[in-house]
Amino acid sequence: MIRIVRMSFKAEHVNDFVDLFNERKELIRHVEGCTYLELWQDEHQPNVYFTYSIWIEPNDLEQYRISPLFKDTWTTVKQWFNEAPQAFSANKLIQLP
């Protein structure tokens, strides 16, 4: 399962977010069931970021979402948003090399 989360930050908290992500990225990536993790920045809106992650099973993502790591990270990050985040889940159907 692919999970994409779009987050828009107050300008004064962009660096806070990037620092926190860099601090926790290895912990998140090595949560059971997470096989891939990327951070993207919007090309035209530098305060908009996306996380792109791949999970073996939807339940793996749900277990992460109830973990202390997620709860602490989300509690910190959500105060920096300037609009509500958006999350999308999808299944890959076709991939071309």
PDB file of N, CA and C in Angstrom:
ATOM      1  N   MET A   1       0.837  -1.170   0.000  1.00  0.00           N
ATOM      2  CA  MET A   1       0.000   0.000   0.000  1.00  0.00           C
ATOM      3  C   MET A   1       0.887   1.240   0.000  1.00  0.00           C
ATOM      4  N   ILE A   2       0.523   2.182  -0.822  1.00  0.00           N
ATOM      5  CA  ILE A   2       1.245   3.456  -0.897  1.00  0.00           C
ATOM      6  C   ILE A   2       0.465   4.494  -0.109  1.00  0.00           C
ATOM      7  N   ARG A   3       1.180   5.286   0.658  1.00  0.00           N
ATOM      8  CA  ARG A   3       0.558   6.357   1.449  1.00  0.00           C
ATOM      9  C   ARG A   3       1.263   7.657   1.113  1.00  0.00           C
ATOM     10  N   ILE A   4       0.482   8.647   0.708  1.00  0.00           N
ATOM     11  CA  ILE A   4       1.004   9.982   0.430  1.00  0.00           C
ATOM     12  C   ILE A   4       0.270  10.948   1.351  1.00  0.00           C
ATOM     13  N   VAL A   5       1.035  11.747   2.077  1.00  0.00           N
ATOM     14  CA  VAL A   5       0.455  12.745   2.972  1.00  0.00           C
ATOM     15  C   VAL A   5       0.973  14.110   2.552  1.00  0.00           C
ATOM     16  N   ARG A   6       0.037  15.011   2.250  1.00  0.00           N
ATOM     17  CA  ARG A   6       0.371  16.393   1.872  1.00  0.00           C
ATOM     18  C   ARG A   6       0.224  17.269   3.104  1.00  0.00           C
ATOM     19  N   MET A   7       1.286  18.044   3.406  1.00  0.00           N
ATOM     20  CA  MET A   7       1.290  18.914   4.572  1.00  0.00           C
ATOM     21  C   MET A   7       1.766  20.296   4.162  1.00  0.00           C
ATOM     22  N   SER A   8       1.014  21.304   4.577  1.00  0.00           N
ATOM     23  CA  SER A   8       1.370  22.694   4.299  1.00  0.00           C
ATOM     24  C   SER A   8       1.706  23.369   5.629  1.00  0.00           C
ATOM     25  N   PHE A   9       2.890  23.981   5.682  1.00  0.00           N
ATOM     26  CA  PHE A   9       3.396  24.530   6.937  1.00  0.00           C
ATOM     27  C   PHE A   9       3.443  26.051   6.930  1.00  0.00           C
ATOM     28  N   LYS A  10       3.305  26.614   8.109  1.00  0.00           N
ATOM     29  CA  LYS A  10       3.578  28.038   8.288  1.00  0.00           C
ATOM     30  C   LYS A  10       5.053  28.240   7.941  1.00  0.00           C
ATOM     31  N   ALA A  11       5.357  29.320   7.228  1.00  0.00           N
ATOM     32  CA  ALA A  11       6.724  29.558   6.741  1.00  0.00           C
ATOM     33  C   ALA A  11       7.753  29.475   7.861  1.00  0.00           C
ATOM     34  N   GLU A  12       7.413  29.974   9.022  1.00  0.00           N
ATOM     35  CA  GLU A  12       8.379  30.001  10.126  1.00  0.00           C
ATOM     36  C   GLU A  12       8.651  28.619  10.721  1.00  0.00           C
ATOM     37  N   HIS A  13       7.892  27.603  10.298  1.00  0.00           N
ATOM     38  CA  HIS A  13       8.085  26.258  10.840  1.00  0.00           C
ATOM     39  C   HIS A  13       8.582  25.237   9.817  1.00  0.00           C
ATOM     40  N   VAL A  14       8.870  25.686   8.611  1.00  0.00           N
ATOM     41  CA  VAL A  14       9.360  24.764   7.587  1.00  0.00           C
ATOM     42  C   VAL A  14      10.651  24.093   8.049  1.00  0.00           C
ATOM     43  N   ASN A  15      11.593  24.856   8.524  1.00  0.00           N
ATOM     44  CA  ASN A  15      12.868  24.277   8.976  1.00  0.00           C
ATOM     45  C   ASN A  15      12.680  23.367  10.188  1.00  0.00           C
ATOM     46  N   ASP A  16      11.734  23.716  11.058  1.00  0.00           N
ATOM     47  CA  ASP A  16      11.433  22.850  12.204  1.00  0.00           C
ATOM     48  C   ASP A  16      10.971  21.480  11.720  1.00  0.00           C
ATOM     49  N   PHE A  17      10.083  21.496  10.719  1.00  0.00           N
ATOM     50  CA  PHE A  17       9.586  20.232  10.182  1.00  0.00           C
ATOM     51  C   PHE A  17      10.705  19.413   9.548  1.00  0.00           C
ATOM     52  N   VAL A  18      11.508  20.054   8.710  1.00  0.00           N
ATOM     53  CA  VAL A  18      12.593  19.334   8.030  1.00  0.00           C
ATOM     54  C   VAL A  18      13.563  18.750   9.060  1.00  0.00           C
ATOM     55  N   ASP A  19      13.882  19.516  10.082  1.00  0.00           N
ATOM     56  CA  ASP A  19      14.777  19.016  11.130  1.00  0.00           C
ATOM     57  C   ASP A  19      14.169  17.811  11.847  1.00  0.00           C
ATOM     58  N   LEU A  20      12.892  17.899  12.184  1.00  0.00           N
ATOM     59  CA  LEU A  20      12.232  16.792  12.876  1.00  0.00           C
ATOM     60  C   LEU A  20      12.168  15.559  11.976  1.00  0.00           C
ATOM     61  N   PHE A  21      11.848  15.755  10.702  1.00  0.00           N
ATOM     62  CA  PHE A  21      11.799  14.622   9.777  1.00  0.00           C
ATOM     63  C   PHE A  21      13.169  13.952   9.691  1.00  0.00           C
ATOM     64  N   ASN A  22      14.213  14.754   9.550  1.00  0.00           N
ATOM     65  CA  ASN A  22      15.565  14.186   9.475  1.00  0.00           C
ATOM     66  C   ASN A  22      15.940  13.440  10.746  1.00  0.00           C
ATOM     67  N   GLU A  23      15.477  13.930  11.869  1.00  0.00           N
ATOM     68  CA  GLU A  23      15.759  13.283  13.150  1.00  0.00           C
ATOM     69  C   GLU A  23      15.055  11.926  13.275  1.00  0.00           C
ATOM     70  N   ARG A  24      13.863  11.806  12.679  1.00  0.00           N
ATOM     71  CA  ARG A  24      13.036  10.613  12.897  1.00  0.00           C
ATOM     72  C   ARG A  24      12.872   9.720  11.676  1.00  0.00           C
ATOM     73  N   LYS A  25      13.410  10.095  10.545  1.00  0.00           N
ATOM     74  CA  LYS A  25      13.170   9.349   9.302  1.00  0.00           C
ATOM     75  C   LYS A  25      13.599   7.889   9.392  1.00  0.00           C
ATOM     76  N   GLU A  26      14.726   7.609  10.004  1.00  0.00           N
ATOM     77  CA  GLU A  26      15.185   6.216  10.116  1.00  0.00           C
ATOM     78  C   GLU A  26      14.266   5.413  11.037  1.00  0.00           C
ATOM     79  N   LEU A  27      13.793   6.040  12.103  1.00  0.00           N
ATOM     80  CA  LEU A  27      12.860   5.345  13.006  1.00  0.00           C
ATOM     81  C   LEU A  27      11.565   5.015  12.282  1.00  0.00           C
ATOM     82  N   ILE A  28      11.048   5.986  11.520  1.00  0.00           N
ATOM     83  CA  ILE A  28       9.802   5.760  10.775  1.00  0.00           C
ATOM     84  C   ILE A  28      10.011   4.685   9.719  1.00  0.00           C
ATOM     85  N   ARG A  29      11.096   4.807   8.963  1.00  0.00           N
ATOM     86  CA  ARG A  29      11.356   3.857   7.877  1.00  0.00           C
ATOM     87  C   ARG A  29      11.493   2.423   8.383  1.00  0.00           C
ATOM     88  N   HIS A  30      11.965   2.255   9.606  1.00  0.00           N
ATOM     89  CA  HIS A  30      12.183   0.911  10.129  1.00  0.00           C
ATOM     90  C   HIS A  30      11.044   0.415  11.024  1.00  0.00           C
ATOM     91  N   VAL A  31       9.917   1.110  10.997  1.00  0.00           N
ATOM     92  CA  VAL A  31       8.722   0.586  11.656  1.00  0.00           C
ATOM     93  C   VAL A  31       8.327  -0.685  10.917  1.00  0.00           C
ATOM     94  N   GLU A  32       7.883  -1.686  11.643  1.00  0.00           N
ATOM     95  CA  GLU A  32       7.493  -2.948  11.014  1.00  0.00           C
ATOM     96  C   GLU A  32       6.459  -2.699   9.921  1.00  0.00           C
ATOM     97  N   GLY A  33       6.750  -3.207   8.732  1.00  0.00           N
ATOM     98  CA  GLY A  33       5.830  -3.089   7.608  1.00  0.00           C
ATOM     99  C   GLY A  33       6.102  -1.934   6.671  1.00  0.00           C
ATOM    100  N   CYS A  34       6.926  -0.984   7.084  1.00  0.00           N
ATOM    101  CA  CYS A  34       7.281   0.136   6.202  1.00  0.00           C
ATOM    102  C   CYS A  34       8.493  -0.294   5.376  1.00  0.00           C
ATOM    103  N   THR A  35       8.334  -0.292   4.048  1.00  0.00           N
ATOM    104  CA  THR A  35       9.416  -0.753   3.180  1.00  0.00           C
ATOM    105  C   THR A  35      10.086   0.373   2.410  1.00  0.00           C
ATOM    106  N   TYR A  36       9.528   1.585   2.496  1.00  0.00           N
ATOM    107  CA  TYR A  36      10.076   2.689   1.709  1.00  0.00           C
ATOM    108  C   TYR A  36       9.560   4.003   2.273  1.00  0.00           C
ATOM    109  N   LEU A  37      10.401   5.041   2.245  1.00  0.00           N
ATOM    110  CA  LEU A  37       9.998   6.352   2.750  1.00  0.00           C
ATOM    111  C   LEU A  37      10.744   7.441   1.999  1.00  0.00           C
ATOM    112  N   GLU A  38      10.001   8.433   1.540  1.00  0.00           N
ATOM    113  CA  GLU A  38      10.589   9.614   0.902  1.00  0.00           C
ATOM    114  C   GLU A  38       9.904  10.859   1.437  1.00  0.00           C
ATOM    115  N   LEU A  39      10.622  11.983   1.362  1.00  0.00           N
ATOM    116  CA  LEU A  39      10.049  13.294   1.645  1.00  0.00           C
ATOM    117  C   LEU A  39      10.182  14.117   0.378  1.00  0.00           C
ATOM    118  N   TRP A  40       9.079  14.708  -0.055  1.00  0.00           N
ATOM    119  CA  TRP A  40       9.066  15.547  -1.246  1.00  0.00           C
ATOM    120  C   TRP A  40       8.714  16.974  -0.850  1.00  0.00           C
ATOM    121  N   GLN A  41       9.207  17.925  -1.640  1.00  0.00           N
ATOM    122  CA  GLN A  41       8.834  19.334  -1.475  1.00  0.00           C
ATOM    123  C   GLN A  41       8.163  19.799  -2.755  1.00  0.00           C
ATOM    124  N   ASP A  42       7.053  20.508  -2.626  1.00  0.00           N
ATOM    125  CA  ASP A  42       6.337  21.022  -3.788  1.00  0.00           C
ATOM    126  C   ASP A  42       7.244  21.970  -4.582  1.00  0.00           C
ATOM    127  N   GLU A  43       7.203  21.842  -5.874  1.00  0.00           N
ATOM    128  CA  GLU A  43       8.070  22.636  -6.748  1.00  0.00           C
ATOM    129  C   GLU A  43       7.728  24.123  -6.720  1.00  0.00           C
ATOM    130  N   HIS A  44       6.448  24.451  -6.519  1.00  0.00           N
ATOM    131  CA  HIS A  44       6.015  25.845  -6.591  1.00  0.00           C
ATOM    132  C   HIS A  44       5.637  26.449  -5.246  1.00  0.00           C
ATOM    133  N   GLN A  45       5.433  25.628  -4.248  1.00  0.00           N
ATOM    134  CA  GLN A  45       5.079  26.097  -2.909  1.00  0.00           C
ATOM    135  C   GLN A  45       6.086  25.506  -1.925  1.00  0.00           C
ATOM    136  N   PRO A  46       7.135  26.235  -1.588  1.00  0.00           N
ATOM    137  CA  PRO A  46       8.203  25.658  -0.763  1.00  0.00           C
ATOM    138  C   PRO A  46       7.805  25.309   0.668  1.00  0.00           C
ATOM    139  N   ASN A  47       6.627  25.717   1.092  1.00  0.00           N
ATOM    140  CA  ASN A  47       6.168  25.350   2.437  1.00  0.00           C
ATOM    141  C   ASN A  47       5.283  24.106   2.417  1.00  0.00           C
ATOM    142  N   VAL A  48       5.119  23.485   1.239  1.00  0.00           N
ATOM    143  CA  VAL A  48       4.290  22.284   1.110  1.00  0.00           C
ATOM    144  C   VAL A  48       5.195  21.080   0.910  1.00  0.00           C
ATOM    145  N   TYR A  49       4.980  20.072   1.754  1.00  0.00           N
ATOM    146  CA  TYR A  49       5.762  18.834   1.720  1.00  0.00           C
ATOM    147  C   TYR A  49       4.821  17.642   1.615  1.00  0.00           C
ATOM    148  N   PHE A  50       5.360  16.560   1.092  1.00  0.00           N
ATOM    149  CA  PHE A  50       4.636  15.300   0.981  1.00  0.00           C
ATOM    150  C   PHE A  50       5.518  14.194   1.541  1.00  0.00           C
ATOM    151  N   THR A  51       4.919  13.289   2.285  1.00  0.00           N
ATOM    152  CA  THR A  51       5.623  12.048   2.597  1.00  0.00           C
ATOM    153  C   THR A  51       5.044  10.975   1.689  1.00  0.00           C
ATOM    154  N   TYR A  52       5.926  10.136   1.198  1.00  0.00           N
ATOM    155  CA  TYR A  52       5.565   9.028   0.327  1.00  0.00           C
ATOM    156  C   TYR A  52       6.120   7.780   0.995  1.00  0.00           C
ATOM    157  N   SER A  53       5.243   6.886   1.365  1.00  0.00           N
ATOM    158  CA  SER A  53       5.709   5.674   2.040  1.00  0.00           C
ATOM    159  C   SER A  53       4.993   4.457   1.463  1.00  0.00           C
ATOM    160  N   ILE A  54       5.672   3.324   1.558  1.00  0.00           N
ATOM    161  CA  ILE A  54       5.108   2.064   1.090  1.00  0.00           C
ATOM    162  C   ILE A  54       5.052   1.113   2.279  1.00  0.00           C
ATOM    163  N   TRP A  55       3.889   0.476   2.422  1.00  0.00           N
ATOM    164  CA  TRP A  55       3.615  -0.414   3.549  1.00  0.00           C
ATOM    165  C   TRP A  55       3.215  -1.780   3.017  1.00  0.00           C
ATOM    166  N   ILE A  56       3.663  -2.831   3.699  1.00  0.00           N
ATOM    167  CA  ILE A  56       3.327  -4.194   3.272  1.00  0.00           C
ATOM    168  C   ILE A  56       1.825  -4.405   3.350  1.00  0.00           C
ATOM    169  N   GLU A  57       1.225  -4.028   4.448  1.00  0.00           N
ATOM    170  CA  GLU A  57      -0.213  -4.215   4.674  1.00  0.00           C
ATOM    171  C   GLU A  57      -0.805  -2.928   5.246  1.00  0.00           C
ATOM    172  N   PRO A  58      -2.054  -2.628   4.954  1.00  0.00           N
ATOM    173  CA  PRO A  58      -2.696  -1.467   5.579  1.00  0.00           C
ATOM    174  C   PRO A  58      -2.634  -1.508   7.106  1.00  0.00           C
ATOM    175  N   ASN A  59      -2.697  -2.708   7.678  1.00  0.00           N
ATOM    176  CA  ASN A  59      -2.631  -2.819   9.129  1.00  0.00           C
ATOM    177  C   ASN A  59      -1.283  -2.369   9.689  1.00  0.00           C
ATOM    178  N   ASP A  60      -0.218  -2.521   8.900  1.00  0.00           N
ATOM    179  CA  ASP A  60       1.099  -2.040   9.353  1.00  0.00           C
ATOM    180  C   ASP A  60       1.069  -0.522   9.547  1.00  0.00           C
ATOM    181  N   LEU A  61       0.452   0.174   8.599  1.00  0.00           N
ATOM    182  CA  LEU A  61       0.314   1.629   8.722  1.00  0.00           C
ATOM    183  C   LEU A  61      -0.546   1.968   9.937  1.00  0.00           C
ATOM    184  N   GLU A  62      -1.625   1.235  10.134  1.00  0.00           N
ATOM    185  CA  GLU A  62      -2.495   1.507  11.281  1.00  0.00           C
ATOM    186  C   GLU A  62      -1.767   1.280  12.601  1.00  0.00           C
ATOM    187  N   GLN A  63      -0.939   0.260  12.676  1.00  0.00           N
ATOM    188  CA  GLN A  63      -0.155   0.016  13.893  1.00  0.00           C
ATOM    189  C   GLN A  63       0.823   1.159  14.139  1.00  0.00           C
ATOM    190  N   TYR A  64       1.424   1.652  13.080  1.00  0.00           N
ATOM    191  CA  TYR A  64       2.315   2.820  13.216  1.00  0.00           C
ATOM    192  C   TYR A  64       1.524   4.022  13.726  1.00  0.00           C
ATOM    193  N   ARG A  65       0.323   4.226  13.206  1.00  0.00           N
ATOM    194  CA  ARG A  65      -0.471   5.400  13.561  1.00  0.00           C
ATOM    195  C   ARG A  65      -0.916   5.398  15.027  1.00  0.00           C
ATOM    196  N   ILE A  66      -0.897   4.238  15.682  1.00  0.00           N
ATOM    197  CA  ILE A  66      -1.239   4.198  17.111  1.00  0.00           C
ATOM    198  C   ILE A  66       0.013   4.082  17.989  1.00  0.00           C
ATOM    199  N   SER A  67       1.180   4.147  17.365  1.00  0.00           N
ATOM    200  CA  SER A  67       2.437   4.009  18.116  1.00  0.00           C
ATOM    201  C   SER A  67       2.816   5.317  18.811  1.00  0.00           C
ATOM    202  N   PRO A  68       3.601   5.228  19.878  1.00  0.00           N
ATOM    203  CA  PRO A  68       4.109   6.436  20.535  1.00  0.00           C
ATOM    204  C   PRO A  68       4.937   7.318  19.585  1.00  0.00           C
ATOM    205  N   LEU A  69       5.697   6.708  18.671  1.00  0.00           N
ATOM    206  CA  LEU A  69       6.497   7.478  17.717  1.00  0.00           C
ATOM    207  C   LEU A  69       5.600   8.374  16.870  1.00  0.00           C
ATOM    208  N   PHE A  70       4.545   7.816  16.303  1.00  0.00           N
ATOM    209  CA  PHE A  70       3.637   8.615  15.479  1.00  0.00           C
ATOM    210  C   PHE A  70       2.937   9.673  16.319  1.00  0.00           C
ATOM    211  N   LYS A  71       2.401   9.266  17.461  1.00  0.00           N
ATOM    212  CA  LYS A  71       1.649  10.209  18.289  1.00  0.00           C
ATOM    213  C   LYS A  71       2.504  11.399  18.699  1.00  0.00           C
ATOM    214  N   ASP A  72       3.747  11.153  19.094  1.00  0.00           N
ATOM    215  CA  ASP A  72       4.630  12.250  19.482  1.00  0.00           C
ATOM    216  C   ASP A  72       4.980  13.124  18.283  1.00  0.00           C
ATOM    217  N   THR A  73       5.287  12.493  17.153  1.00  0.00           N
ATOM    218  CA  THR A  73       5.647  13.246  15.947  1.00  0.00           C
ATOM    219  C   THR A  73       4.465  14.085  15.482  1.00  0.00           C
ATOM    220  N   TRP A  74       3.294  13.489  15.397  1.00  0.00           N
ATOM    221  CA  TRP A  74       2.119  14.194  14.881  1.00  0.00           C
ATOM    222  C   TRP A  74       1.696  15.319  15.809  1.00  0.00           C
ATOM    223  N   THR A  75       1.783  15.096  17.119  1.00  0.00           N
ATOM    224  CA  THR A  75       1.442  16.152  18.079  1.00  0.00           C
ATOM    225  C   THR A  75       2.332  17.368  17.873  1.00  0.00           C
ATOM    226  N   THR A  76       3.593  17.143  17.597  1.00  0.00           N
ATOM    227  CA  THR A  76       4.527  18.241  17.364  1.00  0.00           C
ATOM    228  C   THR A  76       4.253  18.924  16.034  1.00  0.00           C
ATOM    229  N   VAL A  77       4.127  18.139  14.978  1.00  0.00           N
ATOM    230  CA  VAL A  77       4.018  18.673  13.621  1.00  0.00           C
ATOM    231  C   VAL A  77       2.693  19.401  13.389  1.00  0.00           C
ATOM    232  N   LYS A  78       1.608  18.899  13.930  1.00  0.00           N
ATOM    233  CA  LYS A  78       0.304  19.477  13.584  1.00  0.00           C
ATOM    234  C   LYS A  78       0.158  20.931  14.029  1.00  0.00           C
ATOM    235  N   GLN A  79       0.911  21.355  15.012  1.00  0.00           N
ATOM    236  CA  GLN A  79       0.836  22.753  15.441  1.00  0.00           C
ATOM    237  C   GLN A  79       1.523  23.688  14.444  1.00  0.00           C
ATOM    238  N   TRP A  80       2.291  23.130  13.512  1.00  0.00           N
ATOM    239  CA  TRP A  80       3.003  23.931  12.513  1.00  0.00           C
ATOM    240  C   TRP A  80       2.243  24.084  11.197  1.00  0.00           C
ATOM    241  N   PHE A  81       1.116  23.373  11.038  1.00  0.00           N
ATOM    242  CA  PHE A  81       0.352  23.435   9.791  1.00  0.00           C
ATOM    243  C   PHE A  81      -0.325  24.792   9.615  1.00  0.00           C
ATOM    244  N   ASN A  82      -0.447  25.216   8.353  1.00  0.00           N
ATOM    245  CA  ASN A  82      -1.253  26.396   8.061  1.00  0.00           C
ATOM    246  C   ASN A  82      -2.552  26.011   7.353  1.00  0.00           C
ATOM    247  N   GLU A  83      -2.737  24.715   7.110  1.00  0.00           N
ATOM    248  CA  GLU A  83      -4.000  24.179   6.599  1.00  0.00           C
ATOM    249  C   GLU A  83      -4.037  22.691   6.939  1.00  0.00           C
ATOM    250  N   ALA A  84      -5.217  22.121   6.841  1.00  0.00           N
ATOM    251  CA  ALA A  84      -5.375  20.712   7.200  1.00  0.00           C
ATOM    252  C   ALA A  84      -4.577  19.823   6.249  1.00  0.00           C
ATOM    253  N   PRO A  85      -3.895  18.815   6.788  1.00  0.00           N
ATOM    254  CA  PRO A  85      -3.167  17.878   5.929  1.00  0.00           C
ATOM    255  C   PRO A  85      -4.141  17.002   5.153  1.00  0.00           C
ATOM    256  N   GLN A  86      -3.643  16.419   4.075  1.00  0.00           N
ATOM    257  CA  GLN A  86      -4.439  15.498   3.272  1.00  0.00           C
ATOM    258  C   GLN A  86      -3.654  14.200   3.139  1.00  0.00           C
ATOM    259  N   ALA A  87      -4.345  13.079   3.296  1.00  0.00           N
ATOM    260  CA  ALA A  87      -3.689  11.778   3.183  1.00  0.00           C
ATOM    261  C   ALA A  87      -4.409  10.943   2.126  1.00  0.00           C
ATOM    262  N   PHE A  88      -3.614  10.232   1.347  1.00  0.00           N
ATOM    263  CA  PHE A  88      -4.126   9.389   0.274  1.00  0.00           C
ATOM    264  C   PHE A  88      -3.488   8.013   0.383  1.00  0.00           C
ATOM    265  N   SER A  89      -4.284   6.983   0.234  1.00  0.00           N
ATOM    266  CA  SER A  89      -3.776   5.610   0.200  1.00  0.00           C
ATOM    267  C   SER A  89      -4.121   5.007  -1.156  1.00  0.00           C
ATOM    268  N   ALA A  90      -3.177   4.240  -1.720  1.00  0.00           N
ATOM    269  CA  ALA A  90      -3.401   3.652  -3.039  1.00  0.00           C
ATOM    270  C   ALA A  90      -2.647   2.332  -3.139  1.00  0.00           C
ATOM    271  N   ASN A  91      -3.056   1.540  -4.101  1.00  0.00           N
ATOM    272  CA  ASN A  91      -2.374   0.303  -4.425  1.00  0.00           C
ATOM    273  C   ASN A  91      -1.792   0.432  -5.821  1.00  0.00           C
ATOM    274  N   LYS A  92      -0.541   0.039  -5.976  1.00  0.00           N
ATOM    275  CA  LYS A  92       0.107   0.100  -7.272  1.00  0.00           C
ATOM    276  C   LYS A  92      -0.479  -0.975  -8.195  1.00  0.00           C
ATOM    277  N   LEU A  93      -0.868  -0.557  -9.391  1.00  0.00           N
ATOM    278  CA  LEU A  93      -1.411  -1.499 -10.359  1.00  0.00           C
ATOM    279  C   LEU A  93      -0.413  -1.829 -11.456  1.00  0.00           C
ATOM    280  N   ILE A  94       0.289  -0.823 -11.951  1.00  0.00           N
ATOM    281  CA  ILE A  94       1.219  -1.018 -13.051  1.00  0.00           C
ATOM    282  C   ILE A  94       2.467  -0.187 -12.781  1.00  0.00           C
ATOM    283  N   GLN A  95       3.634  -0.775 -13.053  1.00  0.00           N
ATOM    284  CA  GLN A  95       4.889  -0.041 -12.954  1.00  0.00           C
ATOM    285  C   GLN A  95       5.725  -0.367 -14.176  1.00  0.00           C
ATOM    286  N   LEU A  96       6.240   0.655 -14.812  1.00  0.00           N
ATOM    287  CA  LEU A  96       7.117   0.461 -15.963  1.00  0.00           C
ATOM    288  C   LEU A  96       8.556   0.713 -15.545  1.00  0.00           C
ATOM    289  N   PRO A  97       9.477  -0.124 -15.994  1.00  0.00           N
ATOM    290  CA  PRO A  97      10.889   0.089 -15.614  1.00  0.00           C
ATOM    291  C   PRO A  97      11.489   1.273 -16.358  1.00  0.00           C
TER     292      PRO A  97
END
